[in-house]
Protein backbone atom coordinates (compact mmCIF):
# COMPACT_ATOMS: atom_id res chain seq x y z
CA UNK A 1 65.96 29.00 -77.34
CA UNK A 2 67.20 31.21 -74.50
CA UNK A 3 66.29 34.85 -74.29
CA UNK A 4 66.89 37.64 -71.88
CA UNK A 5 63.73 39.32 -70.50
CA UNK A 6 64.06 42.77 -69.20
CA UNK A 7 61.54 43.49 -66.32
CA UNK A 8 60.61 47.10 -65.65
CA UNK A 9 60.96 48.46 -62.15
CA UNK A 10 57.14 48.58 -61.68
CA UNK A 11 56.97 44.76 -62.06
CA UNK A 12 60.16 43.76 -60.14
CA UNK A 13 58.26 43.26 -56.91
CA UNK A 14 56.99 40.14 -58.71
CA UNK A 15 60.28 38.72 -59.86
CA UNK A 16 62.20 38.88 -56.53
CA UNK A 17 63.57 42.17 -57.80
CA UNK A 18 65.22 40.57 -60.81
CA UNK A 19 65.78 43.18 -63.64
CA UNK A 20 66.86 40.69 -66.21
CA UNK A 21 65.82 37.05 -66.43
CA UNK A 22 67.03 34.30 -68.73
CA UNK A 23 64.20 32.17 -70.07
CA UNK A 24 63.48 29.53 -72.66
CA UNK A 25 60.93 30.16 -75.20
CA UNK A 26 60.67 30.23 -79.12
CA UNK A 27 57.99 32.87 -79.15
CA UNK A 28 57.01 35.82 -76.97
CA UNK A 29 54.09 33.99 -75.70
CA UNK A 30 56.08 30.85 -74.70
CA UNK A 31 58.73 33.28 -72.93
CA UNK A 32 56.06 35.08 -71.10
CA UNK A 33 54.45 31.78 -69.97
CA UNK A 34 57.86 30.60 -68.65
CA UNK A 35 58.08 33.91 -66.79
CA UNK A 36 54.61 33.21 -65.23
CA UNK A 37 55.41 29.67 -64.44
CA UNK A 38 58.52 30.92 -62.49
CA UNK A 39 56.75 33.95 -60.98
CA UNK A 40 53.03 33.25 -60.86
CA UNK A 41 52.02 36.50 -59.17
CA UNK A 42 53.11 38.46 -62.30
CA UNK A 43 50.61 36.77 -64.48
CA UNK A 44 47.59 39.08 -63.75
CA UNK A 45 49.67 42.05 -64.46
CA UNK A 46 50.52 40.86 -68.05
CA UNK A 47 47.46 38.86 -69.07
CA UNK A 48 43.76 39.44 -69.04
CA UNK A 49 41.11 36.78 -67.94
CA UNK A 50 41.06 35.47 -71.57
CA UNK A 51 44.86 34.89 -71.59
CA UNK A 52 45.55 37.76 -73.92
CA UNK A 53 48.20 40.29 -73.30
CA UNK A 54 46.76 43.30 -71.39
CA UNK A 55 46.21 46.29 -73.60
CA UNK A 56 48.52 48.52 -71.62
CA UNK A 57 51.51 46.11 -71.67
CA UNK A 58 53.84 46.51 -74.60
CA UNK A 59 56.49 43.93 -75.40
CA UNK A 60 59.58 44.54 -77.51
CA UNK A 61 61.79 42.04 -79.19
CA UNK A 62 64.88 44.09 -79.80
CA UNK A 63 63.47 47.38 -81.04
CA UNK A 64 60.25 45.96 -82.59
CA UNK A 65 56.95 46.21 -80.66
CA UNK A 66 55.31 42.76 -80.98
CA UNK A 67 51.94 44.50 -81.64
CA UNK A 68 53.27 44.95 -85.25
CA UNK A 69 55.23 41.71 -85.56
CA UNK A 70 52.80 38.92 -84.79
CA UNK A 71 51.85 39.53 -81.14
CA UNK A 72 52.45 36.73 -78.74
CA UNK A 73 53.42 34.54 -81.70
CA UNK A 74 56.39 36.73 -82.49
CA UNK A 75 59.45 34.48 -82.73
CA UNK A 76 62.27 34.96 -80.18
CA UNK A 77 65.73 34.08 -81.43
CA UNK A 78 68.43 32.51 -79.31
CA UNK A 79 70.10 35.32 -77.19
CA UNK A 80 67.37 37.85 -78.10
CA UNK A 81 66.47 40.70 -75.63
CA UNK A 82 62.86 40.92 -74.85
CA UNK A 83 61.56 43.94 -72.94
CA UNK A 84 58.20 44.38 -71.09
CA UNK A 85 57.09 48.01 -70.90
CA UNK A 86 53.68 48.70 -69.11
CA UNK A 87 52.14 51.86 -69.83
CA UNK A 88 52.33 54.23 -66.70
CA UNK A 89 49.88 57.18 -66.08
CA UNK A 90 49.13 59.30 -63.21
CA UNK A 91 49.35 62.69 -61.74
CA UNK A 92 46.55 65.21 -60.87
CA UNK A 93 44.45 66.97 -63.56
CA UNK A 94 45.95 70.44 -64.22
CA UNK A 95 49.31 69.63 -62.67
CA UNK A 96 52.37 69.78 -64.96
CA UNK A 97 55.01 67.13 -64.76
CA UNK A 98 58.17 68.14 -62.85
CA UNK A 99 61.16 69.10 -65.08
């Protein structure tokens, strides 16, 4: 099953600046493993030492966060859009975000 994986700007340095990548995989886990097989340096940014998805990485199939739909075993249909969304934090204490 082919799906389109959307890569956030923060991780594109590991995917040759590709923002969208067509990959084969019937589950989110298989799809992400296909991504790591193609771009091995992205692996540590997605997976922990035990092979689980890092806690600060969210993955959506369509509009559904996989944390509520089966995790890495969430099925991915043919032509589905899968989006990786890492949590981003930063700034200095006491400093307001610019508007």
